[in-house]
Amino acid sequence: MVEVVSIREWVGHDVVDEEKRKIGSLEAIYVDTASDEPSFATVTIGLPLQRKLVFVPLGGAKVGPGYLQVAYGGKLVKSCPSMDVDGELLADDEPQVFEHYELPYHRGASGERRLARR
């Protein structure tokens, strides 16, 4: 896994899929609140006046010269539940993001959110 400190330096760089096809640009990193480890990234996709943010898991991600390669296909990433570029992920929408990638979702022991933007 890529460390939070180093992956933050990649904000604005290209995000590519498993076949190295460009998906969009890295916008932010979200950590798992239980471990404080990088868990998801948001990727800016779309045309200039129609941009939106989609989430992609960082499990299996690799960095290359000028890009972050994720372990998922571009079509799957682009069809993930999205939000406006100036929006935020609502607590009620978190489970849908995990479900989209067939990942287990569990709230924290006290019912807290699973993802936090860093």
PDB file of N, CA and C in Angstrom:
ATOM      1  N   MET A   1       0.849  -1.182   0.000  1.00  0.00           N
ATOM      2  CA  MET A   1       0.000   0.000   0.000  1.00  0.00           C
ATOM      3  C   MET A   1       0.888   1.236   0.000  1.00  0.00           C
ATOM      4  N   VAL A   2       0.445   2.247  -0.680  1.00  0.00           N
ATOM      5  CA  VAL A   2       1.153   3.518  -0.745  1.00  0.00           C
ATOM      6  C   VAL A   2       0.881   4.294   0.536  1.00  0.00           C
ATOM      7  N   GLU A   3       1.895   4.942   1.096  1.00  0.00           N
ATOM      8  CA  GLU A   3       1.703   5.693   2.334  1.00  0.00           C
ATOM      9  C   GLU A   3       0.997   7.014   2.062  1.00  0.00           C
ATOM     10  N   VAL A   4       0.220   7.473   3.051  1.00  0.00           N
ATOM     11  CA  VAL A   4      -0.551   8.708   2.904  1.00  0.00           C
ATOM     12  C   VAL A   4       0.343   9.876   2.509  1.00  0.00           C
ATOM     13  N   VAL A   5       1.467  10.037   3.166  1.00  0.00           N
ATOM     14  CA  VAL A   5       2.337  11.176   2.896  1.00  0.00           C
ATOM     15  C   VAL A   5       2.754  11.183   1.433  1.00  0.00           C
ATOM     16  N   SER A   6       3.152  10.048   0.894  1.00  0.00           N
ATOM     17  CA  SER A   6       3.620  10.021  -0.486  1.00  0.00           C
ATOM     18  C   SER A   6       2.472  10.132  -1.481  1.00  0.00           C
ATOM     19  N   ILE A   7       1.342   9.541  -1.197  1.00  0.00           N
ATOM     20  CA  ILE A   7       0.256   9.574  -2.177  1.00  0.00           C
ATOM     21  C   ILE A   7      -0.361  10.966  -2.280  1.00  0.00           C
ATOM     22  N   ARG A   8      -0.303  11.750  -1.220  1.00  0.00           N
ATOM     23  CA  ARG A   8      -0.804  13.134  -1.298  1.00  0.00           C
ATOM     24  C   ARG A   8      -0.048  13.937  -2.342  1.00  0.00           C
ATOM     25  N   GLU A   9       1.199  13.598  -2.543  1.00  0.00           N
ATOM     26  CA  GLU A   9       2.009  14.294  -3.541  1.00  0.00           C
ATOM     27  C   GLU A   9       1.508  14.032  -4.959  1.00  0.00           C
ATOM     28  N   TRP A  10       0.651  13.051  -5.126  1.00  0.00           N
ATOM     29  CA  TRP A  10       0.156  12.680  -6.447  1.00  0.00           C
ATOM     30  C   TRP A  10      -1.145  13.382  -6.816  1.00  0.00           C
ATOM     31  N   VAL A  11      -1.687  14.202  -5.919  1.00  0.00           N
ATOM     32  CA  VAL A  11      -2.924  14.927  -6.224  1.00  0.00           C
ATOM     33  C   VAL A  11      -2.716  15.745  -7.497  1.00  0.00           C
ATOM     34  N   GLY A  12      -3.668  15.624  -8.426  1.00  0.00           N
ATOM     35  CA  GLY A  12      -3.584  16.308  -9.714  1.00  0.00           C
ATOM     36  C   GLY A  12      -2.987  15.458 -10.821  1.00  0.00           C
ATOM     37  N   HIS A  13      -2.311  14.364 -10.454  1.00  0.00           N
ATOM     38  CA  HIS A  13      -1.734  13.478 -11.465  1.00  0.00           C
ATOM     39  C   HIS A  13      -2.814  12.571 -12.053  1.00  0.00           C
ATOM     40  N   ASP A  14      -2.489  11.960 -13.177  1.00  0.00           N
ATOM     41  CA  ASP A  14      -3.420  11.040 -13.827  1.00  0.00           C
ATOM     42  C   ASP A  14      -3.659   9.804 -12.972  1.00  0.00           C
ATOM     43  N   VAL A  15      -4.880   9.309 -13.047  1.00  0.00           N
ATOM     44  CA  VAL A  15      -5.234   8.009 -12.487  1.00  0.00           C
ATOM     45  C   VAL A  15      -5.564   7.133 -13.683  1.00  0.00           C
ATOM     46  N   VAL A  16      -4.927   5.963 -13.753  1.00  0.00           N
ATOM     47  CA  VAL A  16      -5.146   5.048 -14.870  1.00  0.00           C
ATOM     48  C   VAL A  16      -5.702   3.734 -14.344  1.00  0.00           C
ATOM     49  N   ASP A  17      -6.372   3.010 -15.241  1.00  0.00           N
ATOM     50  CA  ASP A  17      -6.964   1.740 -14.837  1.00  0.00           C
ATOM     51  C   ASP A  17      -5.947   0.614 -14.944  1.00  0.00           C
ATOM     52  N   GLU A  18      -6.424  -0.597 -14.757  1.00  0.00           N
ATOM     53  CA  GLU A  18      -5.539  -1.764 -14.765  1.00  0.00           C
ATOM     54  C   GLU A  18      -4.844  -1.973 -16.110  1.00  0.00           C
ATOM     55  N   GLU A  19      -5.406  -1.397 -17.185  1.00  0.00           N
ATOM     56  CA  GLU A  19      -4.802  -1.492 -18.519  1.00  0.00           C
ATOM     57  C   GLU A  19      -4.005  -0.229 -18.871  1.00  0.00           C
ATOM     58  N   LYS A  20      -3.818   0.642 -17.878  1.00  0.00           N
ATOM     59  CA  LYS A  20      -3.096   1.917 -18.017  1.00  0.00           C
ATOM     60  C   LYS A  20      -3.814   2.916 -18.923  1.00  0.00           C
ATOM     61  N   ARG A  21      -5.152   2.810 -18.998  1.00  0.00           N
ATOM     62  CA  ARG A  21      -5.960   3.802 -19.706  1.00  0.00           C
ATOM     63  C   ARG A  21      -6.376   4.876 -18.702  1.00  0.00           C
ATOM     64  N   LYS A  22      -6.274   6.130 -19.123  1.00  0.00           N
ATOM     65  CA  LYS A  22      -6.580   7.235 -18.211  1.00  0.00           C
ATOM     66  C   LYS A  22      -8.055   7.235 -17.824  1.00  0.00           C
ATOM     67  N   ILE A  23      -8.285   7.374 -16.505  1.00  0.00           N
ATOM     68  CA  ILE A  23      -9.635   7.499 -15.960  1.00  0.00           C
ATOM     69  C   ILE A  23      -9.920   8.970 -15.682  1.00  0.00           C
ATOM     70  N   GLY A  24      -8.977   9.657 -15.066  1.00  0.00           N
ATOM     71  CA  GLY A  24      -9.149  11.056 -14.678  1.00  0.00           C
ATOM     72  C   GLY A  24      -7.951  11.519 -13.876  1.00  0.00           C
ATOM     73  N   SER A  25      -8.179  12.509 -13.002  1.00  0.00           N
ATOM     74  CA  SER A  25      -7.100  13.076 -12.184  1.00  0.00           C
ATOM     75  C   SER A  25      -7.364  12.832 -10.706  1.00  0.00           C
ATOM     76  N   LEU A  26      -6.303  12.531  -9.971  1.00  0.00           N
ATOM     77  CA  LEU A  26      -6.424  12.298  -8.533  1.00  0.00           C
ATOM     78  C   LEU A  26      -6.814  13.594  -7.830  1.00  0.00           C
ATOM     79  N   GLU A  27      -7.910  13.548  -7.064  1.00  0.00           N
ATOM     80  CA  GLU A  27      -8.409  14.743  -6.388  1.00  0.00           C
ATOM     81  C   GLU A  27      -8.129  14.716  -4.894  1.00  0.00           C
ATOM     82  N   ALA A  28      -8.373  13.584  -4.234  1.00  0.00           N
ATOM     83  CA  ALA A  28      -8.183  13.512  -2.780  1.00  0.00           C
ATOM     84  C   ALA A  28      -8.013  12.064  -2.347  1.00  0.00           C
ATOM     85  N   ILE A  29      -7.518  11.915  -1.116  1.00  0.00           N
ATOM     86  CA  ILE A  29      -7.340  10.603  -0.500  1.00  0.00           C
ATOM     87  C   ILE A  29      -8.279  10.500   0.689  1.00  0.00           C
ATOM     88  N   TYR A  30      -8.912   9.347   0.826  1.00  0.00           N
ATOM     89  CA  TYR A  30      -9.764   9.051   1.976  1.00  0.00           C
ATOM     90  C   TYR A  30      -9.141   7.883   2.722  1.00  0.00           C
ATOM     91  N   VAL A  31      -9.036   8.020   4.034  1.00  0.00           N
ATOM     92  CA  VAL A  31      -8.467   6.958   4.857  1.00  0.00           C
ATOM     93  C   VAL A  31      -9.577   6.185   5.548  1.00  0.00           C
ATOM     94  N   ASP A  32      -9.265   4.948   5.896  1.00  0.00           N
ATOM     95  CA  ASP A  32     -10.162   4.124   6.699  1.00  0.00           C
ATOM     96  C   ASP A  32     -10.056   4.642   8.131  1.00  0.00           C
ATOM     97  N   THR A  33     -11.161   5.029   8.724  1.00  0.00           N
ATOM     98  CA  THR A  33     -11.116   5.627  10.061  1.00  0.00           C
ATOM     99  C   THR A  33     -10.652   4.645  11.131  1.00  0.00           C
ATOM    100  N   ALA A  34     -10.767   3.350  10.881  1.00  0.00           N
ATOM    101  CA  ALA A  34     -10.332   2.356  11.863  1.00  0.00           C
ATOM    102  C   ALA A  34      -8.811   2.216  11.893  1.00  0.00           C
ATOM    103  N   SER A  35      -8.170   2.361  10.733  1.00  0.00           N
ATOM    104  CA  SER A  35      -6.725   2.138  10.654  1.00  0.00           C
ATOM    105  C   SER A  35      -5.923   3.397  10.309  1.00  0.00           C
ATOM    106  N   ASP A  36      -6.576   4.428   9.834  1.00  0.00           N
ATOM    107  CA  ASP A  36      -5.949   5.660   9.349  1.00  0.00           C
ATOM    108  C   ASP A  36      -5.041   5.388   8.152  1.00  0.00           C
ATOM    109  N   GLU A  37      -5.306   4.305   7.441  1.00  0.00           N
ATOM    110  CA  GLU A  37      -4.559   3.950   6.235  1.00  0.00           C
ATOM    111  C   GLU A  37      -5.330   4.427   5.006  1.00  0.00           C
ATOM    112  N   PRO A  38      -4.613   4.791   3.922  1.00  0.00           N
ATOM    113  CA  PRO A  38      -5.305   5.175   2.689  1.00  0.00           C
ATOM    114  C   PRO A  38      -6.208   4.042   2.227  1.00  0.00           C
ATOM    115  N   SER A  39      -7.436   4.370   1.906  1.00  0.00           N
ATOM    116  CA  SER A  39      -8.400   3.351   1.532  1.00  0.00           C
ATOM    117  C   SER A  39      -9.020   3.609   0.162  1.00  0.00           C
ATOM    118  N   PHE A  40      -9.425   4.845  -0.090  1.00  0.00           N
ATOM    119  CA  PHE A  40     -10.042   5.234  -1.357  1.00  0.00           C
ATOM    120  C   PHE A  40      -9.426   6.538  -1.838  1.00  0.00           C
ATOM    121  N   ALA A  41      -9.555   6.761  -3.129  1.00  0.00           N
ATOM    122  CA  ALA A  41      -9.197   8.047  -3.722  1.00  0.00           C
ATOM    123  C   ALA A  41     -10.415   8.568  -4.459  1.00  0.00           C
ATOM    124  N   THR A  42     -10.503   9.877  -4.577  1.00  0.00           N
ATOM    125  CA  THR A  42     -11.500  10.443  -5.478  1.00  0.00           C
ATOM    126  C   THR A  42     -10.776  10.859  -6.745  1.00  0.00           C
ATOM    127  N   VAL A  43     -11.459  10.627  -7.858  1.00  0.00           N
ATOM    128  CA  VAL A  43     -10.914  10.906  -9.178  1.00  0.00           C
ATOM    129  C   VAL A  43     -11.856  11.872  -9.880  1.00  0.00           C
ATOM    130  N   THR A  44     -11.303  12.945 -10.419  1.00  0.00           N
ATOM    131  CA  THR A  44     -12.093  13.899 -11.187  1.00  0.00           C
ATOM    132  C   THR A  44     -12.250  13.358 -12.598  1.00  0.00           C
ATOM    133  N   ILE A  45     -13.511  13.227 -13.037  1.00  0.00           N
ATOM    134  CA  ILE A  45     -13.789  12.751 -14.391  1.00  0.00           C
ATOM    135  C   ILE A  45     -14.777  13.706 -15.062  1.00  0.00           C
ATOM    136  N   GLY A  46     -14.897  13.603 -16.366  1.00  0.00           N
ATOM    137  CA  GLY A  46     -15.892  14.371 -17.109  1.00  0.00           C
ATOM    138  C   GLY A  46     -15.314  15.568 -17.836  1.00  0.00           C
ATOM    139  N   LEU A  47     -16.181  16.196 -18.622  1.00  0.00           N
ATOM    140  CA  LEU A  47     -15.824  17.389 -19.381  1.00  0.00           C
ATOM    141  C   LEU A  47     -15.736  18.591 -18.451  1.00  0.00           C
ATOM    142  N   PRO A  48     -15.035  19.649 -18.859  1.00  0.00           N
ATOM    143  CA  PRO A  48     -14.823  20.793 -17.963  1.00  0.00           C
ATOM    144  C   PRO A  48     -16.072  21.338 -17.268  1.00  0.00           C
ATOM    145  N   LEU A  49     -17.185  21.439 -17.923  1.00  0.00           N
ATOM    146  CA  LEU A  49     -18.383  21.977 -17.278  1.00  0.00           C
ATOM    147  C   LEU A  49     -19.257  20.891 -16.652  1.00  0.00           C
ATOM    148  N   GLN A  50     -18.829  19.641 -16.764  1.00  0.00           N
ATOM    149  CA  GLN A  50     -19.614  18.528 -16.233  1.00  0.00           C
ATOM    150  C   GLN A  50     -18.770  17.616 -15.351  1.00  0.00           C
ATOM    151  N   ARG A  51     -17.790  18.155 -14.704  1.00  0.00           N
ATOM    152  CA  ARG A  51     -16.893  17.341 -13.872  1.00  0.00           C
ATOM    153  C   ARG A  51     -17.625  16.803 -12.649  1.00  0.00           C
ATOM    154  N   LYS A  52     -17.201  15.623 -12.241  1.00  0.00           N
ATOM    155  CA  LYS A  52     -17.711  15.015 -11.016  1.00  0.00           C
ATOM    156  C   LYS A  52     -16.595  14.183 -10.412  1.00  0.00           C
ATOM    157  N   LEU A  53     -16.805  13.770  -9.175  1.00  0.00           N
ATOM    158  CA  LEU A  53     -15.830  12.946  -8.466  1.00  0.00           C
ATOM    159  C   LEU A  53     -16.389  11.551  -8.281  1.00  0.00           C
ATOM    160  N   VAL A  54     -15.553  10.555  -8.556  1.00  0.00           N
ATOM    161  CA  VAL A  54     -15.902   9.167  -8.293  1.00  0.00           C
ATOM    162  C   VAL A  54     -14.858   8.589  -7.348  1.00  0.00           C
ATOM    163  N   PHE A  55     -15.253   7.569  -6.629  1.00  0.00           N
ATOM    164  CA  PHE A  55     -14.367   6.916  -5.666  1.00  0.00           C
ATOM    165  C   PHE A  55     -13.780   5.654  -6.271  1.00  0.00           C
ATOM    166  N   VAL A  56     -12.536   5.367  -5.906  1.00  0.00           N
ATOM    167  CA  VAL A  56     -11.894   4.125  -6.321  1.00  0.00           C
ATOM    168  C   VAL A  56     -11.036   3.623  -5.160  1.00  0.00           C
ATOM    169  N   PRO A  57     -11.116   2.312  -4.869  1.00  0.00           N
ATOM    170  CA  PRO A  57     -10.285   1.755  -3.800  1.00  0.00           C
ATOM    171  C   PRO A  57      -8.799   1.836  -4.150  1.00  0.00           C
ATOM    172  N   LEU A  58      -7.974   1.997  -3.131  1.00  0.00           N
ATOM    173  CA  LEU A  58      -6.530   2.060  -3.331  1.00  0.00           C
ATOM    174  C   LEU A  58      -5.845   0.712  -3.142  1.00  0.00           C
ATOM    175  N   GLY A  59      -6.579  -0.311  -2.734  1.00  0.00           N
ATOM    176  CA  GLY A  59      -5.991  -1.640  -2.607  1.00  0.00           C
ATOM    177  C   GLY A  59      -5.431  -2.092  -3.941  1.00  0.00           C
ATOM    178  N   GLY A  60      -4.176  -2.471  -3.972  1.00  0.00           N
ATOM    179  CA  GLY A  60      -3.533  -2.925  -5.199  1.00  0.00           C
ATOM    180  C   GLY A  60      -3.048  -1.806  -6.102  1.00  0.00           C
ATOM    181  N   ALA A  61      -3.184  -0.549  -5.670  1.00  0.00           N
ATOM    182  CA  ALA A  61      -2.741   0.582  -6.496  1.00  0.00           C
ATOM    183  C   ALA A  61      -1.217   0.635  -6.563  1.00  0.00           C
ATOM    184  N   LYS A  62      -0.723   1.140  -7.692  1.00  0.00           N
ATOM    185  CA  LYS A  62       0.718   1.288  -7.914  1.00  0.00           C
ATOM    186  C   LYS A  62       0.973   2.681  -8.472  1.00  0.00           C
ATOM    187  N   VAL A  63       2.135   3.216  -8.178  1.00  0.00           N
ATOM    188  CA  VAL A  63       2.512   4.491  -8.787  1.00  0.00           C
ATOM    189  C   VAL A  63       3.475   4.233  -9.928  1.00  0.00           C
ATOM    190  N   GLY A  64       3.334   5.012 -10.971  1.00  0.00           N
ATOM    191  CA  GLY A  64       4.218   4.941 -12.121  1.00  0.00           C
ATOM    192  C   GLY A  64       4.713   6.344 -12.418  1.00  0.00           C
ATOM    193  N   PRO A  65       5.455   6.514 -13.484  1.00  0.00           N
ATOM    194  CA  PRO A  65       5.970   7.851 -13.811  1.00  0.00           C
ATOM    195  C   PRO A  65       4.828   8.804 -14.194  1.00  0.00           C
ATOM    196  N   GLY A  66       4.382   9.600 -13.229  1.00  0.00           N
ATOM    197  CA  GLY A  66       3.342  10.588 -13.493  1.00  0.00           C
ATOM    198  C   GLY A  66       1.920  10.093 -13.389  1.00  0.00           C
ATOM    199  N   TYR A  67       1.712   8.889 -12.873  1.00  0.00           N
ATOM    200  CA  TYR A  67       0.346   8.386 -12.750  1.00  0.00           C
ATOM    201  C   TYR A  67       0.196   7.456 -11.551  1.00  0.00           C
ATOM    202  N   LEU A  68      -1.052   7.289 -11.140  1.00  0.00           N
ATOM    203  CA  LEU A  68      -1.431   6.309 -10.128  1.00  0.00           C
ATOM    204  C   LEU A  68      -2.273   5.266 -10.835  1.00  0.00           C
ATOM    205  N   GLN A  69      -1.842   4.015 -10.786  1.00  0.00           N
ATOM    206  CA  GLN A  69      -2.577   2.934 -11.437  1.00  0.00           C
ATOM    207  C   GLN A  69      -3.401   2.199 -10.396  1.00  0.00           C
ATOM    208  N   VAL A  70      -4.715   2.127 -10.626  1.00  0.00           N
ATOM    209  CA  VAL A  70      -5.602   1.416  -9.716  1.00  0.00           C
ATOM    210  C   VAL A  70      -5.895   0.032 -10.270  1.00  0.00           C
ATOM    211  N   ALA A  71      -6.382  -0.839  -9.415  1.00  0.00           N
ATOM    212  CA  ALA A  71      -6.586  -2.243  -9.779  1.00  0.00           C
ATOM    213  C   ALA A  71      -7.988  -2.518 -10.322  1.00  0.00           C
ATOM    214  N   TYR A  72      -8.621  -1.500 -10.889  1.00  0.00           N
ATOM    215  CA  TYR A  72      -9.992  -1.632 -11.392  1.00  0.00           C
ATOM    216  C   TYR A  72     -10.079  -1.056 -12.793  1.00  0.00           C
ATOM    217  N   GLY A  73     -11.038  -1.571 -13.566  1.00  0.00           N
ATOM    218  CA  GLY A  73     -11.262  -1.072 -14.915  1.00  0.00           C
ATOM    219  C   GLY A  73     -11.905   0.304 -14.914  1.00  0.00           C
ATOM    220  N   GLY A  74     -11.619   1.065 -15.950  1.00  0.00           N
ATOM    221  CA  GLY A  74     -12.140   2.418 -16.064  1.00  0.00           C
ATOM    222  C   GLY A  74     -13.657   2.485 -16.075  1.00  0.00           C
ATOM    223  N   LYS A  75     -14.312   1.542 -16.743  1.00  0.00           N
ATOM    224  CA  LYS A  75     -15.781   1.552 -16.796  1.00  0.00           C
ATOM    225  C   LYS A  75     -16.378   1.365 -15.410  1.00  0.00           C
ATOM    226  N   LEU A  76     -15.802   0.472 -14.630  1.00  0.00           N
ATOM    227  CA  LEU A  76     -16.296   0.243 -13.273  1.00  0.00           C
ATOM    228  C   LEU A  76     -16.106   1.497 -12.423  1.00  0.00           C
ATOM    229  N   VAL A  77     -14.943   2.108 -12.519  1.00  0.00           N
ATOM    230  CA  VAL A  77     -14.667   3.314 -11.731  1.00  0.00           C
ATOM    231  C   VAL A  77     -15.619   4.438 -12.125  1.00  0.00           C
ATOM    232  N   LYS A  78     -15.789   4.661 -13.411  1.00  0.00           N
ATOM    233  CA  LYS A  78     -16.628   5.765 -13.879  1.00  0.00           C
ATOM    234  C   LYS A  78     -18.105   5.564 -13.566  1.00  0.00           C
ATOM    235  N   SER A  79     -18.520   4.325 -13.313  1.00  0.00           N
ATOM    236  CA  SER A  79     -19.931   4.068 -12.985  1.00  0.00           C
ATOM    237  C   SER A  79     -20.185   4.058 -11.477  1.00  0.00           C
ATOM    238  N   CYS A  80     -19.154   4.338 -10.690  1.00  0.00           N
ATOM    239  CA  CYS A  80     -19.294   4.390  -9.233  1.00  0.00           C
ATOM    240  C   CYS A  80     -20.194   5.558  -8.838  1.00  0.00           C
ATOM    241  N   PRO A  81     -20.913   5.434  -7.720  1.00  0.00           N
ATOM    242  CA  PRO A  81     -21.671   6.593  -7.232  1.00  0.00           C
ATOM    243  C   PRO A  81     -20.743   7.810  -7.162  1.00  0.00           C
ATOM    244  N   SER A  82     -21.243   8.950  -7.603  1.00  0.00           N
ATOM    245  CA  SER A  82     -20.396  10.139  -7.716  1.00  0.00           C
ATOM    246  C   SER A  82     -20.938  11.286  -6.880  1.00  0.00           C
ATOM    247  N   MET A  83     -20.151  12.350  -6.839  1.00  0.00           N
ATOM    248  CA  MET A  83     -20.575  13.575  -6.164  1.00  0.00           C
ATOM    249  C   MET A  83     -20.023  14.758  -6.943  1.00  0.00           C
ATOM    250  N   ASP A  84     -20.587  15.927  -6.711  1.00  0.00           N
ATOM    251  CA  ASP A  84     -20.092  17.146  -7.349  1.00  0.00           C
ATOM    252  C   ASP A  84     -18.667  17.421  -6.893  1.00  0.00           C
ATOM    253  N   VAL A  85     -17.910  18.146  -7.725  1.00  0.00           N
ATOM    254  CA  VAL A  85     -16.515  18.426  -7.383  1.00  0.00           C
ATOM    255  C   VAL A  85     -16.379  19.249  -6.107  1.00  0.00           C
ATOM    256  N   ASP A  86     -17.396  19.985  -5.730  1.00  0.00           N
ATOM    257  CA  ASP A  86     -17.329  20.745  -4.479  1.00  0.00           C
ATOM    258  C   ASP A  86     -18.207  20.126  -3.395  1.00  0.00           C
ATOM    259  N   GLY A  87     -18.621  18.879  -3.626  1.00  0.00           N
ATOM    260  CA  GLY A  87     -19.479  18.192  -2.665  1.00  0.00           C
ATOM    261  C   GLY A  87     -18.684  17.377  -1.670  1.00  0.00           C
ATOM    262  N   GLU A  88     -19.413  16.654  -0.846  1.00  0.00           N
ATOM    263  CA  GLU A  88     -18.768  15.749   0.099  1.00  0.00           C
ATOM    264  C   GLU A  88     -19.561  14.450   0.151  1.00  0.00           C
ATOM    265  N   LEU A  89     -18.884  13.385   0.510  1.00  0.00           N
ATOM    266  CA  LEU A  89     -19.529  12.087   0.626  1.00  0.00           C
ATOM    267  C   LEU A  89     -20.369  12.067   1.894  1.00  0.00           C
ATOM    268  N   LEU A  90     -21.654  11.855   1.723  1.00  0.00           N
ATOM    269  CA  LEU A  90     -22.546  11.780   2.874  1.00  0.00           C
ATOM    270  C   LEU A  90     -22.399  10.426   3.555  1.00  0.00           C
ATOM    271  N   ALA A  91     -22.584  10.395   4.855  1.00  0.00           N
ATOM    272  CA  ALA A  91     -22.458   9.146   5.616  1.00  0.00           C
ATOM    273  C   ALA A  91     -23.391   8.073   5.063  1.00  0.00           C
ATOM    274  N   ASP A  92     -24.591   8.457   4.661  1.00  0.00           N
ATOM    275  CA  ASP A  92     -25.552   7.484   4.134  1.00  0.00           C
ATOM    276  C   ASP A  92     -25.140   6.920   2.778  1.00  0.00           C
ATOM    277  N   ASP A  93     -24.227   7.594   2.074  1.00  0.00           N
ATOM    278  CA  ASP A  93     -23.781   7.137   0.757  1.00  0.00           C
ATOM    279  C   ASP A  93     -22.546   6.244   0.814  1.00  0.00           C
ATOM    280  N   GLU A  94     -21.868   6.212   1.948  1.00  0.00           N
ATOM    281  CA  GLU A  94     -20.656   5.389   2.068  1.00  0.00           C
ATOM    282  C   GLU A  94     -20.890   3.920   1.710  1.00  0.00           C
ATOM    283  N   PRO A  95     -21.931   3.274   2.244  1.00  0.00           N
ATOM    284  CA  PRO A  95     -22.122   1.857   1.928  1.00  0.00           C
ATOM    285  C   PRO A  95     -22.250   1.586   0.432  1.00  0.00           C
ATOM    286  N   GLN A  96     -22.835   2.506  -0.321  1.00  0.00           N
ATOM    287  CA  GLN A  96     -23.004   2.318  -1.765  1.00  0.00           C
ATOM    288  C   GLN A  96     -21.663   2.282  -2.488  1.00  0.00           C
ATOM    289  N   VAL A  97     -20.715   3.075  -2.016  1.00  0.00           N
ATOM    290  CA  VAL A  97     -19.390   3.093  -2.638  1.00  0.00           C
ATOM    291  C   VAL A  97     -18.710   1.737  -2.440  1.00  0.00           C
ATOM    292  N   PHE A  98     -18.747   1.221  -1.235  1.00  0.00           N
ATOM    293  CA  PHE A  98     -18.152  -0.093  -0.962  1.00  0.00           C
ATOM    294  C   PHE A  98     -18.873  -1.186  -1.754  1.00  0.00           C
ATOM    295  N   GLU A  99     -20.182  -1.132  -1.775  1.00  0.00           N
ATOM    296  CA  GLU A  99     -20.981  -2.135  -2.487  1.00  0.00           C
ATOM    297  C   GLU A  99     -20.656  -2.143  -3.975  1.00  0.00           C
ATOM    298  N   HIS A 100     -20.428  -0.975  -4.545  1.00  0.00           N
ATOM    299  CA  HIS A 100     -20.114  -0.872  -5.972  1.00  0.00           C
ATOM    300  C   HIS A 100     -18.900  -1.727  -6.334  1.00  0.00           C
ATOM    301  N   TYR A 101     -17.933  -1.784  -5.447  1.00  0.00           N
ATOM    302  CA  TYR A 101     -16.708  -2.557  -5.685  1.00  0.00           C
ATOM    303  C   TYR A 101     -16.747  -3.927  -5.008  1.00  0.00           C
ATOM    304  N   GLU A 102     -17.914  -4.302  -4.505  1.00  0.00           N
ATOM    305  CA  GLU A 102     -18.109  -5.590  -3.824  1.00  0.00           C
ATOM    306  C   GLU A 102     -17.154  -5.744  -2.646  1.00  0.00           C
ATOM    307  N   LEU A 103     -16.982  -4.659  -1.891  1.00  0.00           N
ATOM    308  CA  LEU A 103     -16.141  -4.661  -0.696  1.00  0.00           C
ATOM    309  C   LEU A 103     -17.033  -4.636   0.537  1.00  0.00           C
ATOM    310  N   PRO A 104     -16.624  -5.314   1.606  1.00  0.00           N
ATOM    311  CA  PRO A 104     -17.448  -5.307   2.824  1.00  0.00           C
ATOM    312  C   PRO A 104     -17.477  -3.915   3.456  1.00  0.00           C
ATOM    313  N   TYR A 105     -18.615  -3.574   4.025  1.00  0.00           N
ATOM    314  CA  TYR A 105     -18.754  -2.275   4.690  1.00  0.00           C
ATOM    315  C   TYR A 105     -19.245  -2.485   6.106  1.00  0.00           C
ATOM    316  N   HIS A 106     -18.526  -1.917   7.061  1.00  0.00           N
ATOM    317  CA  HIS A 106     -18.918  -1.964   8.470  1.00  0.00           C
ATOM    318  C   HIS A 106     -18.626  -0.603   9.072  1.00  0.00           C
ATOM    319  N   ARG A 107     -19.604  -0.043   9.747  1.00  0.00           N
ATOM    320  CA  ARG A 107     -19.368   1.209  10.476  1.00  0.00           C
ATOM    321  C   ARG A 107     -18.439   0.906  11.655  1.00  0.00           C
ATOM    322  N   GLY A 108     -17.848   1.951  12.217  1.00  0.00           N
ATOM    323  CA  GLY A 108     -16.994   1.788  13.385  1.00  0.00           C
ATOM    324  C   GLY A 108     -17.785   1.287  14.575  1.00  0.00           C
ATOM    325  N   ALA A 109     -17.084   0.884  15.615  1.00  0.00           N
ATOM    326  CA  ALA A 109     -17.713   0.321  16.815  1.00  0.00           C
ATOM    327  C   ALA A 109     -18.743   1.264  17.426  1.00  0.00           C
ATOM    328  N   SER A 110     -18.521   2.554  17.306  1.00  0.00           N
ATOM    329  CA  SER A 110     -19.457   3.544  17.861  1.00  0.00           C
ATOM    330  C   SER A 110     -20.380   4.109  16.791  1.00  0.00           C
ATOM    331  N   GLY A 111     -20.426   3.451  15.631  1.00  0.00           N
ATOM    332  CA  GLY A 111     -21.285   3.904  14.547  1.00  0.00           C
ATOM    333  C   GLY A 111     -20.691   4.997  13.687  1.00  0.00           C
ATOM    334  N   GLU A 112     -19.387   5.278  13.873  1.00  0.00           N
ATOM    335  CA  GLU A 112     -18.773   6.349  13.098  1.00  0.00           C
ATOM    336  C   GLU A 112     -18.575   5.950  11.641  1.00  0.00           C
ATOM    337  N   ARG A 113     -18.321   6.955  10.845  1.00  0.00           N
ATOM    338  CA  ARG A 113     -18.100   6.761   9.415  1.00  0.00           C
ATOM    339  C   ARG A 113     -16.860   5.914   9.173  1.00  0.00           C
ATOM    340  N   ARG A 114     -16.814   5.304   8.028  1.00  0.00           N
ATOM    341  CA  ARG A 114     -15.701   4.449   7.653  1.00  0.00           C
ATOM    342  C   ARG A 114     -14.602   5.217   6.924  1.00  0.00           C
ATOM    343  N   LEU A 115     -14.970   6.277   6.194  1.00  0.00           N
ATOM    344  CA  LEU A 115     -14.003   7.024   5.400  1.00  0.00           C
ATOM    345  C   LEU A 115     -13.877   8.465   5.875  1.00  0.00           C
ATOM    346  N   ALA A 116     -12.642   8.964   5.852  1.00  0.00           N
ATOM    347  CA  ALA A 116     -12.382  10.362   6.199  1.00  0.00           C
ATOM    348  C   ALA A 116     -11.403  10.935   5.186  1.00  0.00           C
ATOM    349  N   ARG A 117     -11.687  12.120   4.715  1.00  0.00           N
ATOM    350  CA  ARG A 117     -10.801  12.778   3.745  1.00  0.00           C
ATOM    351  C   ARG A 117      -9.564  13.309   4.456  1.00  0.00           C
ATOM    352  N   ARG A 118      -8.417  13.098   3.841  1.00  0.00           N
ATOM    353  CA  ARG A 118      -7.158  13.598   4.418  1.00  0.00           C
ATOM    354  C   ARG A 118      -6.462  14.490   3.421  1.00  0.00           C
TER     355      ARG A 118
END
